[in-house]
Amino acid sequence: MATKLYVGNLSYETTEDTLRELFAGVGEVDSVTLITDRHSGRSKGFAFVEMSKEEDAKTAIAQLNGTEVDGRTLNVSEARPREERPSGGFGRGGGYGGRGRSSAGPQHRSRF
């Protein structure tokens, strides 16, 4: 069964190919996903590497955690399950405000 690893503290210059080569030196790599900013396309400084065998993943953690790549010391650990996030709607913070409001904010009317 494949094991997903979290790779943190990456340099913004580190590529998926660099990570694939690094982890392939330890074992068979199924996939590499470098996480990037949606708007700028720039790396967020972490990635996920999926290894085919659990033994290879454990070896990768032991051998690669704390090693330097592109001037940064890597943090390599087993990835935690993804937490579910609320989808859309209220409670997300920021955004455009509620319905019926002008750009100046809510209109308050005095009774007097």
C-alpha atoms as a PDB file:
ATOM      1  CA  MET A   1       0.000   0.000   0.000  1.00  0.00           C
ATOM      2  CA  ALA A   2       1.321   3.460  -0.908  1.00  0.00           C
ATOM      3  CA  THR A   3       2.409   5.832   1.855  1.00  0.00           C
ATOM      4  CA  LYS A   4       2.130   9.604   1.522  1.00  0.00           C
ATOM      5  CA  LEU A   5       4.898  11.756   2.970  1.00  0.00           C
ATOM      6  CA  TYR A   6       4.886  15.446   3.858  1.00  0.00           C
ATOM      7  CA  VAL A   7       8.011  17.343   2.785  1.00  0.00           C
ATOM      8  CA  GLY A   8       8.297  20.803   4.333  1.00  0.00           C
ATOM      9  CA  ASN A   9      10.686  23.748   4.523  1.00  0.00           C
ATOM     10  CA  LEU A  10      11.356  23.610   0.782  1.00  0.00           C
ATOM     11  CA  SER A  11      13.153  26.356  -1.090  1.00  0.00           C
ATOM     12  CA  TYR A  12      10.929  28.205  -3.566  1.00  0.00           C
ATOM     13  CA  GLU A  13      13.348  27.001  -6.269  1.00  0.00           C
ATOM     14  CA  THR A  14      12.877  23.282  -5.498  1.00  0.00           C
ATOM     15  CA  THR A  15      10.957  21.490  -8.255  1.00  0.00           C
ATOM     16  CA  GLU A  16       8.905  18.297  -8.415  1.00  0.00           C
ATOM     17  CA  ASP A  17      11.676  16.751 -10.527  1.00  0.00           C
ATOM     18  CA  THR A  18      14.273  17.519  -7.841  1.00  0.00           C
ATOM     19  CA  LEU A  19      12.102  15.822  -5.209  1.00  0.00           C
ATOM     20  CA  ARG A  20      11.341  12.843  -7.466  1.00  0.00           C
ATOM     21  CA  GLU A  21      15.078  12.249  -8.027  1.00  0.00           C
ATOM     22  CA  LEU A  22      15.871  12.647  -4.324  1.00  0.00           C
ATOM     23  CA  PHE A  23      13.196  10.206  -3.133  1.00  0.00           C
ATOM     24  CA  ALA A  24      13.798   7.751  -6.005  1.00  0.00           C
ATOM     25  CA  GLY A  25      17.246   7.211  -4.501  1.00  0.00           C
ATOM     26  CA  VAL A  26      15.474   5.600  -1.534  1.00  0.00           C
ATOM     27  CA  GLY A  27      12.650   3.689  -3.249  1.00  0.00           C
ATOM     28  CA  GLU A  28       9.889   3.681  -5.838  1.00  0.00           C
ATOM     29  CA  VAL A  29       8.025   7.004  -6.058  1.00  0.00           C
ATOM     30  CA  ASP A  30       4.370   6.931  -7.144  1.00  0.00           C
ATOM     31  CA  SER A  31       3.789  10.683  -7.262  1.00  0.00           C
ATOM     32  CA  VAL A  32       5.165  14.069  -6.264  1.00  0.00           C
ATOM     33  CA  THR A  33       2.880  17.062  -5.708  1.00  0.00           C
ATOM     34  CA  LEU A  34       4.495  20.435  -5.079  1.00  0.00           C
ATOM     35  CA  ILE A  35       1.917  22.740  -3.492  1.00  0.00           C
ATOM     36  CA  THR A  36       1.718  26.128  -5.212  1.00  0.00           C
ATOM     37  CA  ASP A  37      -0.162  29.363  -4.674  1.00  0.00           C
ATOM     38  CA  ARG A  38      -3.292  29.486  -6.808  1.00  0.00           C
ATOM     39  CA  HIS A  39      -2.807  33.076  -7.925  1.00  0.00           C
ATOM     40  CA  SER A  40       0.961  33.466  -8.341  1.00  0.00           C
ATOM     41  CA  GLY A  41       1.894  29.867  -9.158  1.00  0.00           C
ATOM     42  CA  ARG A  42       4.802  30.171  -6.706  1.00  0.00           C
ATOM     43  CA  SER A  43       5.668  27.255  -4.430  1.00  0.00           C
ATOM     44  CA  LYS A  44       4.251  27.393  -0.911  1.00  0.00           C
ATOM     45  CA  GLY A  45       7.344  25.620   0.418  1.00  0.00           C
ATOM     46  CA  PHE A  46       5.943  22.128   0.906  1.00  0.00           C
ATOM     47  CA  ALA A  47       5.071  19.039  -1.084  1.00  0.00           C
ATOM     48  CA  PHE A  48       3.657  15.533  -0.826  1.00  0.00           C
ATOM     49  CA  VAL A  49       5.559  12.495  -2.045  1.00  0.00           C
ATOM     50  CA  GLU A  50       3.769   9.162  -2.370  1.00  0.00           C
ATOM     51  CA  MET A  51       6.021   6.108  -2.052  1.00  0.00           C
ATOM     52  CA  SER A  52       4.937   2.671  -3.317  1.00  0.00           C
ATOM     53  CA  LYS A  53       6.096   0.712  -0.262  1.00  0.00           C
ATOM     54  CA  GLU A  54       5.703   1.561   3.401  1.00  0.00           C
ATOM     55  CA  GLU A  55       9.263   0.332   4.112  1.00  0.00           C
ATOM     56  CA  ASP A  56      10.638   2.767   1.503  1.00  0.00           C
ATOM     57  CA  ALA A  57       8.640   5.609   3.049  1.00  0.00           C
ATOM     58  CA  LYS A  58      10.066   4.860   6.511  1.00  0.00           C
ATOM     59  CA  THR A  59      13.574   4.710   5.045  1.00  0.00           C
ATOM     60  CA  ALA A  60      12.988   8.036   3.258  1.00  0.00           C
ATOM     61  CA  ILE A  61      11.934   9.675   6.538  1.00  0.00           C
ATOM     62  CA  ALA A  62      15.005   8.289   8.331  1.00  0.00           C
ATOM     63  CA  GLN A  63      17.458   9.232   5.568  1.00  0.00           C
ATOM     64  CA  LEU A  64      16.054  12.493   4.212  1.00  0.00           C
ATOM     65  CA  ASN A  65      14.587  14.296   7.240  1.00  0.00           C
ATOM     66  CA  GLY A  66      17.093  16.993   8.177  1.00  0.00           C
ATOM     67  CA  THR A  67      19.033  16.871   4.896  1.00  0.00           C
ATOM     68  CA  GLU A  68      19.759  20.045   2.957  1.00  0.00           C
ATOM     69  CA  VAL A  69      18.279  20.632  -0.495  1.00  0.00           C
ATOM     70  CA  ASP A  70      18.611  23.943  -2.357  1.00  0.00           C
ATOM     71  CA  GLY A  71      19.940  25.597   0.801  1.00  0.00           C
ATOM     72  CA  ARG A  72      17.050  24.517   3.070  1.00  0.00           C
ATOM     73  CA  THR A  73      16.852  21.761   5.700  1.00  0.00           C
ATOM     74  CA  LEU A  74      13.979  19.407   4.813  1.00  0.00           C
ATOM     75  CA  ASN A  75      11.279  18.243   7.202  1.00  0.00           C
ATOM     76  CA  VAL A  76      10.083  14.815   6.074  1.00  0.00           C
ATOM     77  CA  SER A  77       7.322  12.956   7.908  1.00  0.00           C
ATOM     78  CA  GLU A  78       4.307  10.783   7.226  1.00  0.00           C
ATOM     79  CA  ALA A  79       1.455  12.961   5.986  1.00  0.00           C
ATOM     80  CA  ARG A  80      -1.575  13.342   8.231  1.00  0.00           C
ATOM     81  CA  PRO A  81      -5.031  12.721   6.774  1.00  0.00           C
ATOM     82  CA  ARG A  82      -6.523  15.810   5.157  1.00  0.00           C
ATOM     83  CA  GLU A  83      -8.953  17.703   7.368  1.00  0.00           C
ATOM     84  CA  GLU A  84     -12.328  18.470   5.879  1.00  0.00           C
ATOM     85  CA  ARG A  85     -12.943  22.169   5.356  1.00  0.00           C
ATOM     86  CA  PRO A  86     -16.349  23.798   5.171  1.00  0.00           C
ATOM     87  CA  SER A  87     -17.271  24.555   1.584  1.00  0.00           C
ATOM     88  CA  GLY A  88     -18.285  28.101   0.693  1.00  0.00           C
ATOM     89  CA  GLY A  89     -20.915  30.052   2.532  1.00  0.00           C
ATOM     90  CA  PHE A  90     -20.586  31.824   5.822  1.00  0.00           C
ATOM     91  CA  GLY A  91     -17.724  31.568   8.239  1.00  0.00           C
ATOM     92  CA  ARG A  92     -14.923  31.752   5.698  1.00  0.00           C
ATOM     93  CA  GLY A  93     -13.790  35.251   6.615  1.00  0.00           C
ATOM     94  CA  GLY A  94     -13.012  38.065   4.211  1.00  0.00           C
ATOM     95  CA  GLY A  95     -15.059  38.218   1.079  1.00  0.00           C
ATOM     96  CA  TYR A  96     -17.659  40.640  -0.150  1.00  0.00           C
ATOM     97  CA  GLY A  97     -20.057  41.132   2.745  1.00  0.00           C
ATOM     98  CA  GLY A  98     -23.743  40.370   2.791  1.00  0.00           C
ATOM     99  CA  ARG A  99     -26.558  41.049   0.375  1.00  0.00           C
ATOM    100  CA  GLY A 100     -28.129  44.450   0.049  1.00  0.00           C
ATOM    101  CA  ARG A 101     -25.200  46.377   1.459  1.00  0.00           C
ATOM    102  CA  SER A 102     -23.592  49.280  -0.265  1.00  0.00           C
ATOM    103  CA  SER A 103     -19.848  49.730  -0.482  1.00  0.00           C
ATOM    104  CA  ALA A 104     -20.136  52.223   2.398  1.00  0.00           C
ATOM    105  CA  GLY A 105     -21.440  49.518   4.726  1.00  0.00           C
ATOM    106  CA  PRO A 106     -24.875  48.913   6.202  1.00  0.00           C
ATOM    107  CA  GLN A 107     -27.361  51.762   6.133  1.00  0.00           C
ATOM    108  CA  HIS A 108     -28.588  52.691   9.609  1.00  0.00           C
ATOM    109  CA  ARG A 109     -31.825  54.591   9.885  1.00  0.00           C
ATOM    110  CA  SER A 110     -32.795  56.489  12.938  1.00  0.00           C
ATOM    111  CA  ARG A 111     -36.357  56.395  14.243  1.00  0.00           C
ATOM    112  CA  PHE A 112     -36.190  59.979  15.529  1.00  0.00           C
END
